[in-house]
Amino acid sequence: MEACEDVQFKQRAVIGFLTAEKISPVYIHRRMQAVYGDKCVDVSTVIRWVQQVKEEEVGDTGLCDKARTGQNSETC
């Protein structure tokens, strides 16, 4: 059984890839629901992650959350 973080890591990679192919966030979410079912992140999370990917420079997109105040500083 996979840890939640592993599933989210994989989903974030899928989001980055499909965003690069200009796929809409809602369609990305539908595709991910078909694969990940109940473990799929919420559509609002997909939209937020898509926006983050678009703001990054090409090739500079990280899959891990950036450090924020109050967040554990774990590495991927």
PDB file of N, CA and C in Angstrom:
ATOM      1  N   MET A   1       0.841  -1.189   0.000  1.00  0.00           N
ATOM      2  CA  MET A   1       0.000   0.000   0.000  1.00  0.00           C
ATOM      3  C   MET A   1       0.884   1.250   0.000  1.00  0.00           C
ATOM      4  N   GLU A   2       0.552   2.213  -0.852  1.00  0.00           N
ATOM      5  CA  GLU A   2       1.372   3.406  -0.990  1.00  0.00           C
ATOM      6  C   GLU A   2       0.988   4.464   0.028  1.00  0.00           C
ATOM      7  N   ALA A   3       1.980   5.215   0.476  1.00  0.00           N
ATOM      8  CA  ALA A   3       1.717   6.340   1.364  1.00  0.00           C
ATOM      9  C   ALA A   3       1.057   7.453   0.563  1.00  0.00           C
ATOM     10  N   CYS A   4       0.289   8.267   1.246  1.00  0.00           N
ATOM     11  CA  CYS A   4      -0.416   9.373   0.614  1.00  0.00           C
ATOM     12  C   CYS A   4       0.541  10.264  -0.167  1.00  0.00           C
ATOM     13  N   GLU A   5       1.700  10.533   0.401  1.00  0.00           N
ATOM     14  CA  GLU A   5       2.663  11.414  -0.245  1.00  0.00           C
ATOM     15  C   GLU A   5       3.143  10.839  -1.577  1.00  0.00           C
ATOM     16  N   ASP A   6       3.294   9.511  -1.659  1.00  0.00           N
ATOM     17  CA  ASP A   6       3.732   8.876  -2.895  1.00  0.00           C
ATOM     18  C   ASP A   6       2.693   9.055  -3.994  1.00  0.00           C
ATOM     19  N   VAL A   7       1.424   8.884  -3.659  1.00  0.00           N
ATOM     20  CA  VAL A   7       0.348   9.034  -4.631  1.00  0.00           C
ATOM     21  C   VAL A   7       0.267  10.489  -5.085  1.00  0.00           C
ATOM     22  N   GLN A   8       0.381  11.421  -4.151  1.00  0.00           N
ATOM     23  CA  GLN A   8       0.337  12.830  -4.515  1.00  0.00           C
ATOM     24  C   GLN A   8       1.538  13.213  -5.375  1.00  0.00           C
ATOM     25  N   PHE A   9       2.680  12.649  -5.084  1.00  0.00           N
ATOM     26  CA  PHE A   9       3.885  12.905  -5.883  1.00  0.00           C
ATOM     27  C   PHE A   9       3.656  12.474  -7.329  1.00  0.00           C
ATOM     28  N   LYS A  10       3.095  11.292  -7.502  1.00  0.00           N
ATOM     29  CA  LYS A  10       2.820  10.778  -8.842  1.00  0.00           C
ATOM     30  C   LYS A  10       1.786  11.649  -9.551  1.00  0.00           C
ATOM     31  N   GLN A  11       0.761  12.055  -8.817  1.00  0.00           N
ATOM     32  CA  GLN A  11      -0.274  12.882  -9.421  1.00  0.00           C
ATOM     33  C   GLN A  11       0.285  14.248  -9.833  1.00  0.00           C
ATOM     34  N   ARG A  12       1.169  14.774  -9.032  1.00  0.00           N
ATOM     35  CA  ARG A  12       1.788  16.060  -9.366  1.00  0.00           C
ATOM     36  C   ARG A  12       2.618  15.945 -10.649  1.00  0.00           C
ATOM     37  N   ALA A  13       3.285  14.814 -10.824  1.00  0.00           N
ATOM     38  CA  ALA A  13       4.045  14.574 -12.051  1.00  0.00           C
ATOM     39  C   ALA A  13       3.112  14.488 -13.257  1.00  0.00           C
ATOM     40  N   VAL A  14       1.992  13.804 -13.096  1.00  0.00           N
ATOM     41  CA  VAL A  14       0.998  13.698 -14.171  1.00  0.00           C
ATOM     42  C   VAL A  14       0.479  15.088 -14.536  1.00  0.00           C
ATOM     43  N   ILE A  15       0.182  15.886 -13.522  1.00  0.00           N
ATOM     44  CA  ILE A  15      -0.321  17.239 -13.750  1.00  0.00           C
ATOM     45  C   ILE A  15       0.711  18.067 -14.518  1.00  0.00           C
ATOM     46  N   GLY A  16       1.964  17.978 -14.132  1.00  0.00           N
ATOM     47  CA  GLY A  16       3.011  18.714 -14.834  1.00  0.00           C
ATOM     48  C   GLY A  16       3.122  18.303 -16.287  1.00  0.00           C
ATOM     49  N   PHE A  17       3.062  17.003 -16.543  1.00  0.00           N
ATOM     50  CA  PHE A  17       3.169  16.490 -17.907  1.00  0.00           C
ATOM     51  C   PHE A  17       1.994  16.936 -18.761  1.00  0.00           C
ATOM     52  N   LEU A  18       0.775  16.738 -18.241  1.00  0.00           N
ATOM     53  CA  LEU A  18      -0.406  17.083 -19.027  1.00  0.00           C
ATOM     54  C   LEU A  18      -0.564  18.596 -19.198  1.00  0.00           C
ATOM     55  N   THR A  19      -0.097  19.367 -18.232  1.00  0.00           N
ATOM     56  CA  THR A  19      -0.120  20.825 -18.373  1.00  0.00           C
ATOM     57  C   THR A  19       0.801  21.244 -19.517  1.00  0.00           C
ATOM     58  N   ALA A  20       1.948  20.598 -19.625  1.00  0.00           N
ATOM     59  CA  ALA A  20       2.876  20.895 -20.715  1.00  0.00           C
ATOM     60  C   ALA A  20       2.251  20.576 -22.073  1.00  0.00           C
ATOM     61  N   GLU A  21       1.318  19.633 -22.082  1.00  0.00           N
ATOM     62  CA  GLU A  21       0.602  19.290 -23.317  1.00  0.00           C
ATOM     63  C   GLU A  21      -0.642  20.159 -23.520  1.00  0.00           C
ATOM     64  N   LYS A  22      -0.809  21.181 -22.680  1.00  0.00           N
ATOM     65  CA  LYS A  22      -1.916  22.145 -22.785  1.00  0.00           C
ATOM     66  C   LYS A  22      -3.293  21.520 -22.527  1.00  0.00           C
ATOM     67  N   ILE A  23      -3.350  20.521 -21.634  1.00  0.00           N
ATOM     68  CA  ILE A  23      -4.609  19.895 -21.253  1.00  0.00           C
ATOM     69  C   ILE A  23      -5.227  20.731 -20.127  1.00  0.00           C
ATOM     70  N   SER A  24      -6.544  20.911 -20.151  1.00  0.00           N
ATOM     71  CA  SER A  24      -7.212  21.733 -19.142  1.00  0.00           C
ATOM     72  C   SER A  24      -7.210  21.044 -17.776  1.00  0.00           C
ATOM     73  N   PRO A  25      -7.195  21.831 -16.701  1.00  0.00           N
ATOM     74  CA  PRO A  25      -7.186  21.256 -15.346  1.00  0.00           C
ATOM     75  C   PRO A  25      -8.381  20.337 -15.063  1.00  0.00           C
ATOM     76  N   VAL A  26      -9.545  20.701 -15.549  1.00  0.00           N
ATOM     77  CA  VAL A  26     -10.737  19.877 -15.298  1.00  0.00           C
ATOM     78  C   VAL A  26     -10.600  18.524 -15.994  1.00  0.00           C
ATOM     79  N   TYR A  27     -10.087  18.522 -17.211  1.00  0.00           N
ATOM     80  CA  TYR A  27      -9.891  17.266 -17.927  1.00  0.00           C
ATOM     81  C   TYR A  27      -8.788  16.431 -17.278  1.00  0.00           C
ATOM     82  N   ILE A  28      -7.736  17.093 -16.816  1.00  0.00           N
ATOM     83  CA  ILE A  28      -6.673  16.393 -16.088  1.00  0.00           C
ATOM     84  C   ILE A  28      -7.277  15.694 -14.874  1.00  0.00           C
ATOM     85  N   HIS A  29      -8.114  16.395 -14.130  1.00  0.00           N
ATOM     86  CA  HIS A  29      -8.733  15.817 -12.932  1.00  0.00           C
ATOM     87  C   HIS A  29      -9.590  14.603 -13.292  1.00  0.00           C
ATOM     88  N   ARG A  30     -10.366  14.703 -14.352  1.00  0.00           N
ATOM     89  CA  ARG A  30     -11.211  13.566 -14.781  1.00  0.00           C
ATOM     90  C   ARG A  30     -10.362  12.346 -15.101  1.00  0.00           C
ATOM     91  N   ARG A  31      -9.270  12.563 -15.818  1.00  0.00           N
ATOM     92  CA  ARG A  31      -8.387  11.444 -16.172  1.00  0.00           C
ATOM     93  C   ARG A  31      -7.760  10.830 -14.925  1.00  0.00           C
ATOM     94  N   MET A  32      -7.340  11.684 -13.996  1.00  0.00           N
ATOM     95  CA  MET A  32      -6.714  11.182 -12.780  1.00  0.00           C
ATOM     96  C   MET A  32      -7.717  10.438 -11.906  1.00  0.00           C
ATOM     97  N   GLN A  33      -8.965  10.885 -11.868  1.00  0.00           N
ATOM     98  CA  GLN A  33      -9.986  10.172 -11.102  1.00  0.00           C
ATOM     99  C   GLN A  33     -10.175   8.761 -11.634  1.00  0.00           C
ATOM    100  N   ALA A  34     -10.105   8.600 -12.941  1.00  0.00           N
ATOM    101  CA  ALA A  34     -10.267   7.286 -13.546  1.00  0.00           C
ATOM    102  C   ALA A  34      -9.153   6.332 -13.113  1.00  0.00           C
ATOM    103  N   VAL A  35      -7.966   6.878 -12.863  1.00  0.00           N
ATOM    104  CA  VAL A  35      -6.821   6.048 -12.487  1.00  0.00           C
ATOM    105  C   VAL A  35      -6.704   5.901 -10.969  1.00  0.00           C
ATOM    106  N   TYR A  36      -6.797   7.021 -10.243  1.00  0.00           N
ATOM    107  CA  TYR A  36      -6.519   7.023  -8.807  1.00  0.00           C
ATOM    108  C   TYR A  36      -7.757   6.873  -7.929  1.00  0.00           C
ATOM    109  N   GLY A  37      -8.951   7.019  -8.500  1.00  0.00           N
ATOM    110  CA  GLY A  37     -10.190   6.834  -7.738  1.00  0.00           C
ATOM    111  C   GLY A  37     -10.267   7.737  -6.520  1.00  0.00           C
ATOM    112  N   ASP A  38     -10.532   7.143  -5.362  1.00  0.00           N
ATOM    113  CA  ASP A  38     -10.693   7.890  -4.113  1.00  0.00           C
ATOM    114  C   ASP A  38      -9.406   8.574  -3.658  1.00  0.00           C
ATOM    115  N   LYS A  39      -8.265   8.138  -4.167  1.00  0.00           N
ATOM    116  CA  LYS A  39      -6.986   8.732  -3.771  1.00  0.00           C
ATOM    117  C   LYS A  39      -6.626   9.953  -4.607  1.00  0.00           C
ATOM    118  N   CYS A  40      -7.483  10.287  -5.575  1.00  0.00           N
ATOM    119  CA  CYS A  40      -7.226  11.426  -6.443  1.00  0.00           C
ATOM    120  C   CYS A  40      -7.370  12.725  -5.664  1.00  0.00           C
ATOM    121  N   VAL A  41      -6.458  13.657  -5.908  1.00  0.00           N
ATOM    122  CA  VAL A  41      -6.555  14.964  -5.268  1.00  0.00           C
ATOM    123  C   VAL A  41      -7.790  15.687  -5.801  1.00  0.00           C
ATOM    124  N   ASP A  42      -8.259  16.664  -5.047  1.00  0.00           N
ATOM    125  CA  ASP A  42      -9.443  17.429  -5.402  1.00  0.00           C
ATOM    126  C   ASP A  42      -9.172  18.285  -6.644  1.00  0.00           C
ATOM    127  N   VAL A  43     -10.228  18.612  -7.376  1.00  0.00           N
ATOM    128  CA  VAL A  43     -10.084  19.421  -8.589  1.00  0.00           C
ATOM    129  C   VAL A  43      -9.467  20.781  -8.268  1.00  0.00           C
ATOM    130  N   SER A  44      -9.751  21.336  -7.100  1.00  0.00           N
ATOM    131  CA  SER A  44      -9.153  22.626  -6.729  1.00  0.00           C
ATOM    132  C   SER A  44      -7.639  22.496  -6.560  1.00  0.00           C
ATOM    133  N   THR A  45      -7.179  21.355  -6.089  1.00  0.00           N
ATOM    134  CA  THR A  45      -5.739  21.100  -5.962  1.00  0.00           C
ATOM    135  C   THR A  45      -5.109  20.994  -7.348  1.00  0.00           C
ATOM    136  N   VAL A  46      -5.788  20.318  -8.262  1.00  0.00           N
ATOM    137  CA  VAL A  46      -5.283  20.208  -9.633  1.00  0.00           C
ATOM    138  C   VAL A  46      -5.148  21.599 -10.248  1.00  0.00           C
ATOM    139  N   ILE A  47      -6.176  22.423 -10.076  1.00  0.00           N
ATOM    140  CA  ILE A  47      -6.148  23.779 -10.632  1.00  0.00           C
ATOM    141  C   ILE A  47      -4.978  24.568 -10.045  1.00  0.00           C
ATOM    142  N   ARG A  48      -4.781  24.465  -8.729  1.00  0.00           N
ATOM    143  CA  ARG A  48      -3.682  25.190  -8.073  1.00  0.00           C
ATOM    144  C   ARG A  48      -2.329  24.698  -8.568  1.00  0.00           C
ATOM    145  N   TRP A  49      -2.164  23.370  -8.680  1.00  0.00           N
ATOM    146  CA  TRP A  49      -0.895  22.825  -9.136  1.00  0.00           C
ATOM    147  C   TRP A  49      -0.630  23.183 -10.597  1.00  0.00           C
ATOM    148  N   VAL A  50      -1.681  23.197 -11.434  1.00  0.00           N
ATOM    149  CA  VAL A  50      -1.520  23.608 -12.828  1.00  0.00           C
ATOM    150  C   VAL A  50      -1.016  25.043 -12.886  1.00  0.00           C
ATOM    151  N   GLN A  51      -1.601  25.912 -12.068  1.00  0.00           N
ATOM    152  CA  GLN A  51      -1.169  27.309 -12.038  1.00  0.00           C
ATOM    153  C   GLN A  51       0.294  27.416 -11.620  1.00  0.00           C
ATOM    154  N   GLN A  52       0.697  26.625 -10.624  1.00  0.00           N
ATOM    155  CA  GLN A  52       2.090  26.642 -10.179  1.00  0.00           C
ATOM    156  C   GLN A  52       3.027  26.183 -11.293  1.00  0.00           C
ATOM    157  N   VAL A  53       2.630  25.157 -12.019  1.00  0.00           N
ATOM    158  CA  VAL A  53       3.451  24.646 -13.119  1.00  0.00           C
ATOM    159  C   VAL A  53       3.606  25.718 -14.193  1.00  0.00           C
ATOM    160  N   LYS A  54       2.520  26.409 -14.502  1.00  0.00           N
ATOM    161  CA  LYS A  54       2.559  27.448 -15.534  1.00  0.00           C
ATOM    162  C   LYS A  54       3.439  28.629 -15.121  1.00  0.00           C
ATOM    163  N   GLU A  55       3.531  28.888 -13.821  1.00  0.00           N
ATOM    164  CA  GLU A  55       4.339  29.999 -13.333  1.00  0.00           C
ATOM    165  C   GLU A  55       5.834  29.683 -13.322  1.00  0.00           C
ATOM    166  N   GLU A  56       6.173  28.413 -13.289  1.00  0.00           N
ATOM    167  CA  GLU A  56       7.570  27.993 -13.285  1.00  0.00           C
ATOM    168  C   GLU A  56       8.157  28.115 -14.680  1.00  0.00           C
ATOM    169  N   GLU A  57       9.457  28.260 -14.752  1.00  0.00           N
ATOM    170  CA  GLU A  57      10.130  28.240 -16.040  1.00  0.00           C
ATOM    171  C   GLU A  57      10.187  26.809 -16.543  1.00  0.00           C
ATOM    172  N   VAL A  58      10.176  26.647 -17.843  1.00  0.00           N
ATOM    173  CA  VAL A  58      10.252  25.326 -18.444  1.00  0.00           C
ATOM    174  C   VAL A  58      11.501  24.618 -17.941  1.00  0.00           C
ATOM    175  N   GLY A  59      11.338  23.374 -17.493  1.00  0.00           N
ATOM    176  CA  GLY A  59      12.458  22.598 -16.988  1.00  0.00           C
ATOM    177  C   GLY A  59      12.814  22.893 -15.551  1.00  0.00           C
ATOM    178  N   ASP A  60      12.142  23.855 -14.939  1.00  0.00           N
ATOM    179  CA  ASP A  60      12.444  24.238 -13.562  1.00  0.00           C
ATOM    180  C   ASP A  60      11.320  23.851 -12.610  1.00  0.00           C
ATOM    181  N   THR A  61      10.395  23.036 -13.068  1.00  0.00           N
ATOM    182  CA  THR A  61       9.252  22.660 -12.263  1.00  0.00           C
ATOM    183  C   THR A  61       9.634  21.556 -11.287  1.00  0.00           C
ATOM    184  N   GLY A  62       9.448  21.821 -10.002  1.00  0.00           N
ATOM    185  CA  GLY A  62       9.703  20.822  -8.980  1.00  0.00           C
ATOM    186  C   GLY A  62       8.422  20.082  -8.653  1.00  0.00           C
ATOM    187  N   LEU A  63       8.550  18.838  -8.236  1.00  0.00           N
ATOM    188  CA  LEU A  63       7.366  18.063  -7.889  1.00  0.00           C
ATOM    189  C   LEU A  63       6.996  18.196  -6.429  1.00  0.00           C
ATOM    190  N   CYS A  64       7.908  18.692  -5.629  1.00  0.00           N
ATOM    191  CA  CYS A  64       7.650  18.821  -4.198  1.00  0.00           C
ATOM    192  C   CYS A  64       7.065  20.196  -3.893  1.00  0.00           C
ATOM    193  N   ASP A  65       6.288  20.262  -2.832  1.00  0.00           N
ATOM    194  CA  ASP A  65       5.792  21.549  -2.373  1.00  0.00           C
ATOM    195  C   ASP A  65       6.963  22.395  -1.936  1.00  0.00           C
ATOM    196  N   LYS A  66       6.871  23.665  -2.176  1.00  0.00           N
ATOM    197  CA  LYS A  66       7.908  24.577  -1.713  1.00  0.00           C
ATOM    198  C   LYS A  66       7.746  24.803  -0.212  1.00  0.00           C
ATOM    199  N   ALA A  67       8.847  25.068   0.474  1.00  0.00           N
ATOM    200  CA  ALA A  67       8.814  25.282   1.924  1.00  0.00           C
ATOM    201  C   ALA A  67       7.970  26.510   2.243  1.00  0.00           C
ATOM    202  N   ARG A  68       7.106  26.381   3.258  1.00  0.00           N
ATOM    203  CA  ARG A  68       6.273  27.482   3.710  1.00  0.00           C
ATOM    204  C   ARG A  68       6.342  27.517   5.229  1.00  0.00           C
ATOM    205  N   THR A  69       5.999  28.635   5.798  1.00  0.00           N
ATOM    206  CA  THR A  69       5.953  28.768   7.245  1.00  0.00           C
ATOM    207  C   THR A  69       4.977  27.755   7.812  1.00  0.00           C
ATOM    208  N   GLY A  70       5.391  27.029   8.818  1.00  0.00           N
ATOM    209  CA  GLY A  70       4.522  26.047   9.477  1.00  0.00           C
ATOM    210  C   GLY A  70       4.503  24.696   8.818  1.00  0.00           C
ATOM    211  N   GLN A  71       5.204  24.517   7.718  1.00  0.00           N
ATOM    212  CA  GLN A  71       5.240  23.238   7.020  1.00  0.00           C
ATOM    213  C   GLN A  71       6.516  22.494   7.410  1.00  0.00           C
ATOM    214  N   ASN A  72       6.398  21.186   7.598  1.00  0.00           N
ATOM    215  CA  ASN A  72       7.582  20.370   7.869  1.00  0.00           C
ATOM    216  C   ASN A  72       8.549  20.503   6.713  1.00  0.00           C
ATOM    217  N   SER A  73       9.814  20.492   7.011  1.00  0.00           N
ATOM    218  CA  SER A  73      10.817  20.634   5.960  1.00  0.00           C
ATOM    219  C   SER A  73      11.356  19.279   5.524  1.00  0.00           C
ATOM    220  N   GLU A  74      10.471  18.436   5.004  1.00  0.00           N
ATOM    221  CA  GLU A  74      10.875  17.132   4.510  1.00  0.00           C
ATOM    222  C   GLU A  74      11.246  17.256   3.047  1.00  0.00           C
ATOM    223  N   THR A  75      12.151  16.420   2.599  1.00  0.00           N
ATOM    224  CA  THR A  75      12.532  16.418   1.200  1.00  0.00           C
ATOM    225  C   THR A  75      11.844  15.259   0.500  1.00  0.00           C
ATOM    226  N   CYS A  76      11.749  15.360  -0.798  1.00  0.00           N
ATOM    227  CA  CYS A  76      11.122  14.282  -1.583  1.00  0.00           C
ATOM    228  C   CYS A  76      12.085  13.156  -1.769  1.00  0.00           C
TER     229      CYS A  76
END
